[in-house]
Amino acid sequence: MILKEVKSGTIDIESNGFMLMLQFNCNCDDVLPYCQAMCCKMRMGYNAMLTDEEAERLGHVDVVKDNSVFKFLPHKADYSCIHLENDRCKVHDQKPRMCMEEHCSPRGNMGDPTIKRRFGGWLLLPNNPASFERPVVQKFI
């Protein structure tokens, strides 16, 4: 179901019978007033692994797993990205490769050849008609 049409696509609610998914099937710049940079705020479940060059340039935290060290983009105390300011990326033109190559929804930024991985959207719980009364959805309808 289309919630809103924007310049580059749509904001949708999709259901597979078990889950409701909020999908931003458009370009990120067009959807920022609605998603408010959700992917940059929910850093506990979504964090960008960095190359050595990106870690040096952007700052990093080290995570050790199985005797290997991985460099990740740090987050603030509220779990938002350290480079997020007023729902905008301060390093957008030089953002990490992982941020460039991923999109939160299956049909977002379809014309962007740098996107290598697309996700299913944002899970809305619970899956019942009352979900449509939730504030995150209410702003669209």
C-alpha atoms as a PDB file:
ATOM      1  CA  MET A   1       0.000   0.000   0.000  1.00  0.00           C
ATOM      2  CA  ILE A   2       1.418   3.370  -0.995  1.00  0.00           C
ATOM      3  CA  LEU A   3       1.505   5.785   1.942  1.00  0.00           C
ATOM      4  CA  LYS A   4       3.025   8.706   0.108  1.00  0.00           C
ATOM      5  CA  GLU A   5       4.419   9.514  -3.320  1.00  0.00           C
ATOM      6  CA  VAL A   6       7.625  11.524  -3.399  1.00  0.00           C
ATOM      7  CA  LYS A   7       9.673  12.886  -6.302  1.00  0.00           C
ATOM      8  CA  SER A   8      11.742   9.713  -6.819  1.00  0.00           C
ATOM      9  CA  GLY A   9       9.319   6.967  -5.764  1.00  0.00           C
ATOM     10  CA  THR A  10       7.032   5.933  -2.943  1.00  0.00           C
ATOM     11  CA  ILE A  11       6.848   5.273   0.770  1.00  0.00           C
ATOM     12  CA  ASP A  12       4.960   2.009   1.274  1.00  0.00           C
ATOM     13  CA  ILE A  13       3.597  -0.455   3.784  1.00  0.00           C
ATOM     14  CA  GLU A  14       4.048  -4.054   2.635  1.00  0.00           C
ATOM     15  CA  SER A  15       2.703  -7.171   4.344  1.00  0.00           C
ATOM     16  CA  ASN A  16       3.604 -10.789   3.810  1.00  0.00           C
ATOM     17  CA  GLY A  17       0.778 -11.954   6.077  1.00  0.00           C
ATOM     18  CA  PHE A  18       3.038 -12.135   9.120  1.00  0.00           C
ATOM     19  CA  MET A  19       4.821  -8.793   9.196  1.00  0.00           C
ATOM     20  CA  LEU A  20       4.234  -5.205   8.186  1.00  0.00           C
ATOM     21  CA  MET A  21       7.236  -3.513   6.609  1.00  0.00           C
ATOM     22  CA  LEU A  22       7.673   0.239   6.163  1.00  0.00           C
ATOM     23  CA  GLN A  23       9.599   0.732   2.919  1.00  0.00           C
ATOM     24  CA  PHE A  24      11.247   3.870   1.587  1.00  0.00           C
ATOM     25  CA  ASN A  25      11.294   2.933  -2.105  1.00  0.00           C
ATOM     26  CA  CYS A  26      12.820   6.189  -3.294  1.00  0.00           C
ATOM     27  CA  ASN A  27      15.998   8.232  -3.071  1.00  0.00           C
ATOM     28  CA  CYS A  28      17.265   8.935   0.428  1.00  0.00           C
ATOM     29  CA  ASP A  29      17.242  12.724   0.008  1.00  0.00           C
ATOM     30  CA  ASP A  30      13.534  12.678  -0.898  1.00  0.00           C
ATOM     31  CA  VAL A  31      12.569  10.628   2.138  1.00  0.00           C
ATOM     32  CA  LEU A  32      14.616  12.331   4.874  1.00  0.00           C
ATOM     33  CA  PRO A  33      11.673  14.476   6.074  1.00  0.00           C
ATOM     34  CA  TYR A  34       9.794  11.216   6.749  1.00  0.00           C
ATOM     35  CA  CYS A  35      12.386   8.633   7.782  1.00  0.00           C
ATOM     36  CA  GLN A  36      14.447  11.221   9.689  1.00  0.00           C
ATOM     37  CA  ALA A  37      17.632   9.253   8.961  1.00  0.00           C
ATOM     38  CA  MET A  38      16.450   6.082  10.739  1.00  0.00           C
ATOM     39  CA  CYS A  39      19.384   4.038   9.406  1.00  0.00           C
ATOM     40  CA  CYS A  40      21.815   6.516  10.965  1.00  0.00           C
ATOM     41  CA  LYS A  41      20.015   6.582  14.322  1.00  0.00           C
ATOM     42  CA  MET A  42      19.530   2.893  15.039  1.00  0.00           C
ATOM     43  CA  ARG A  43      23.199   2.036  15.240  1.00  0.00           C
ATOM     44  CA  MET A  44      22.754  -0.906  17.646  1.00  0.00           C
ATOM     45  CA  GLY A  45      21.247  -3.014  14.902  1.00  0.00           C
ATOM     46  CA  TYR A  46      22.955  -1.376  11.956  1.00  0.00           C
ATOM     47  CA  ASN A  47      26.550  -0.283  12.038  1.00  0.00           C
ATOM     48  CA  ALA A  48      29.043   0.418   9.280  1.00  0.00           C
ATOM     49  CA  MET A  49      32.225  -1.625   9.135  1.00  0.00           C
ATOM     50  CA  LEU A  50      35.087   0.538   7.879  1.00  0.00           C
ATOM     51  CA  THR A  51      38.137   0.095   5.714  1.00  0.00           C
ATOM     52  CA  ASP A  52      41.445   1.155   7.271  1.00  0.00           C
ATOM     53  CA  GLU A  53      41.386   4.404   5.269  1.00  0.00           C
ATOM     54  CA  GLU A  54      37.805   5.183   6.353  1.00  0.00           C
ATOM     55  CA  ALA A  55      38.636   4.409   9.986  1.00  0.00           C
ATOM     56  CA  GLU A  56      41.555   6.821   9.897  1.00  0.00           C
ATOM     57  CA  ARG A  57      39.511   9.564   8.230  1.00  0.00           C
ATOM     58  CA  LEU A  58      36.186   9.181  10.092  1.00  0.00           C
ATOM     59  CA  GLY A  59      37.141   7.764  13.476  1.00  0.00           C
ATOM     60  CA  HIS A  60      36.386   4.239  14.623  1.00  0.00           C
ATOM     61  CA  VAL A  61      35.885   1.785  17.438  1.00  0.00           C
ATOM     62  CA  ASP A  62      37.617  -1.590  17.409  1.00  0.00           C
ATOM     63  CA  VAL A  63      35.609  -4.763  17.881  1.00  0.00           C
ATOM     64  CA  VAL A  64      37.500  -7.995  18.534  1.00  0.00           C
ATOM     65  CA  LYS A  65      35.922 -11.262  17.445  1.00  0.00           C
ATOM     66  CA  ASP A  66      37.676 -14.613  17.088  1.00  0.00           C
ATOM     67  CA  ASN A  67      41.103 -12.952  17.462  1.00  0.00           C
ATOM     68  CA  SER A  68      40.359 -10.528  14.600  1.00  0.00           C
ATOM     69  CA  VAL A  69      39.953  -6.769  14.956  1.00  0.00           C
ATOM     70  CA  PHE A  70      37.194  -5.020  13.009  1.00  0.00           C
ATOM     71  CA  LYS A  71      36.802  -1.259  12.723  1.00  0.00           C
ATOM     72  CA  PHE A  72      33.305   0.196  13.019  1.00  0.00           C
ATOM     73  CA  LEU A  73      31.820   3.666  12.788  1.00  0.00           C
ATOM     74  CA  PRO A  74      31.286   4.954  16.346  1.00  0.00           C
ATOM     75  CA  HIS A  75      27.920   6.050  17.674  1.00  0.00           C
ATOM     76  CA  LYS A  76      26.753   8.656  20.166  1.00  0.00           C
ATOM     77  CA  ALA A  77      25.184   7.808  23.540  1.00  0.00           C
ATOM     78  CA  ASP A  78      21.738   7.735  21.865  1.00  0.00           C
ATOM     79  CA  TYR A  79      23.111   5.185  19.296  1.00  0.00           C
ATOM     80  CA  SER A  80      23.001   7.630  16.407  1.00  0.00           C
ATOM     81  CA  CYS A  81      25.995   7.932  14.100  1.00  0.00           C
ATOM     82  CA  ILE A  82      28.670  10.390  15.253  1.00  0.00           C
ATOM     83  CA  HIS A  83      28.450  12.114  11.876  1.00  0.00           C
ATOM     84  CA  LEU A  84      24.677  12.709  12.003  1.00  0.00           C
ATOM     85  CA  GLU A  85      23.639  16.296  12.695  1.00  0.00           C
ATOM     86  CA  ASN A  86      20.059  17.585  12.347  1.00  0.00           C
ATOM     87  CA  ASP A  87      19.093  14.391  10.484  1.00  0.00           C
ATOM     88  CA  ARG A  88      21.799  15.007   7.860  1.00  0.00           C
ATOM     89  CA  CYS A  89      25.126  13.276   7.344  1.00  0.00           C
ATOM     90  CA  LYS A  90      28.036  15.666   7.909  1.00  0.00           C
ATOM     91  CA  VAL A  91      30.315  13.453   5.785  1.00  0.00           C
ATOM     92  CA  HIS A  92      27.765  12.567   3.084  1.00  0.00           C
ATOM     93  CA  ASP A  93      30.152  13.259   0.188  1.00  0.00           C
ATOM     94  CA  GLN A  94      32.818  11.093   1.837  1.00  0.00           C
ATOM     95  CA  LYS A  95      30.642   8.607   3.706  1.00  0.00           C
ATOM     96  CA  PRO A  96      31.856   5.040   4.276  1.00  0.00           C
ATOM     97  CA  ARG A  97      31.607   2.501   1.469  1.00  0.00           C
ATOM     98  CA  MET A  98      29.138   0.428   3.485  1.00  0.00           C
ATOM     99  CA  CYS A  99      26.789   3.424   3.838  1.00  0.00           C
ATOM    100  CA  MET A 100      26.992   4.045   0.090  1.00  0.00           C
ATOM    101  CA  GLU A 101      26.416   0.412  -0.888  1.00  0.00           C
ATOM    102  CA  GLU A 102      23.294  -0.302   1.201  1.00  0.00           C
ATOM    103  CA  HIS A 103      19.694   0.886   1.123  1.00  0.00           C
ATOM    104  CA  CYS A 104      17.055   0.128   3.753  1.00  0.00           C
ATOM    105  CA  SER A 105      14.334  -0.819   1.262  1.00  0.00           C
ATOM    106  CA  PRO A 106      14.078  -3.172  -1.728  1.00  0.00           C
ATOM    107  CA  ARG A 107      13.359  -0.557  -4.418  1.00  0.00           C
ATOM    108  CA  GLY A 108      15.157   2.503  -3.046  1.00  0.00           C
ATOM    109  CA  ASN A 109      17.624   4.539  -5.133  1.00  0.00           C
ATOM    110  CA  MET A 110      17.185   2.109  -8.047  1.00  0.00           C
ATOM    111  CA  GLY A 111      19.241   4.280 -10.399  1.00  0.00           C
ATOM    112  CA  ASP A 112      22.274   4.334  -8.103  1.00  0.00           C
ATOM    113  CA  PRO A 113      24.889   1.837  -9.354  1.00  0.00           C
ATOM    114  CA  THR A 114      26.856   2.041  -6.078  1.00  0.00           C
ATOM    115  CA  ILE A 115      24.095   0.286  -4.107  1.00  0.00           C
ATOM    116  CA  LYS A 116      24.997  -3.389  -3.812  1.00  0.00           C
ATOM    117  CA  ARG A 117      22.618  -4.538  -1.060  1.00  0.00           C
ATOM    118  CA  ARG A 118      18.973  -3.733  -0.407  1.00  0.00           C
ATOM    119  CA  PHE A 119      17.004  -4.632   2.711  1.00  0.00           C
ATOM    120  CA  GLY A 120      13.305  -5.383   3.164  1.00  0.00           C
ATOM    121  CA  GLY A 121      12.400  -2.196   5.008  1.00  0.00           C
ATOM    122  CA  TRP A 122      11.578  -1.441   8.618  1.00  0.00           C
ATOM    123  CA  LEU A 123       9.512  -3.929  10.613  1.00  0.00           C
ATOM    124  CA  LEU A 124       6.371  -2.503  12.203  1.00  0.00           C
ATOM    125  CA  LEU A 125       4.964  -4.373  15.187  1.00  0.00           C
ATOM    126  CA  PRO A 126       2.353  -5.586  15.912  1.00  0.00           C
ATOM    127  CA  ASN A 127       0.874  -6.714  12.583  1.00  0.00           C
ATOM    128  CA  ASN A 128      -2.735  -5.705  13.023  1.00  0.00           C
ATOM    129  CA  PRO A 129      -4.943  -2.829  11.856  1.00  0.00           C
ATOM    130  CA  ALA A 130      -4.056  -0.829  14.979  1.00  0.00           C
ATOM    131  CA  SER A 131      -0.515  -0.582  13.582  1.00  0.00           C
ATOM    132  CA  PHE A 132      -1.801   1.997  11.132  1.00  0.00           C
ATOM    133  CA  GLU A 133      -2.553   4.312  14.057  1.00  0.00           C
ATOM    134  CA  ARG A 134       1.090   4.365  15.177  1.00  0.00           C
ATOM    135  CA  PRO A 135       2.738   7.823  14.992  1.00  0.00           C
ATOM    136  CA  VAL A 136       5.452   6.729  12.510  1.00  0.00           C
ATOM    137  CA  VAL A 137       2.794   5.647  10.027  1.00  0.00           C
ATOM    138  CA  GLN A 138       0.292   8.369  10.890  1.00  0.00           C
ATOM    139  CA  LYS A 139       2.538  11.117   9.491  1.00  0.00           C
ATOM    140  CA  PHE A 140       2.173   9.588   6.014  1.00  0.00           C
ATOM    141  CA  ILE A 141      -1.599   9.192   5.849  1.00  0.00           C
END
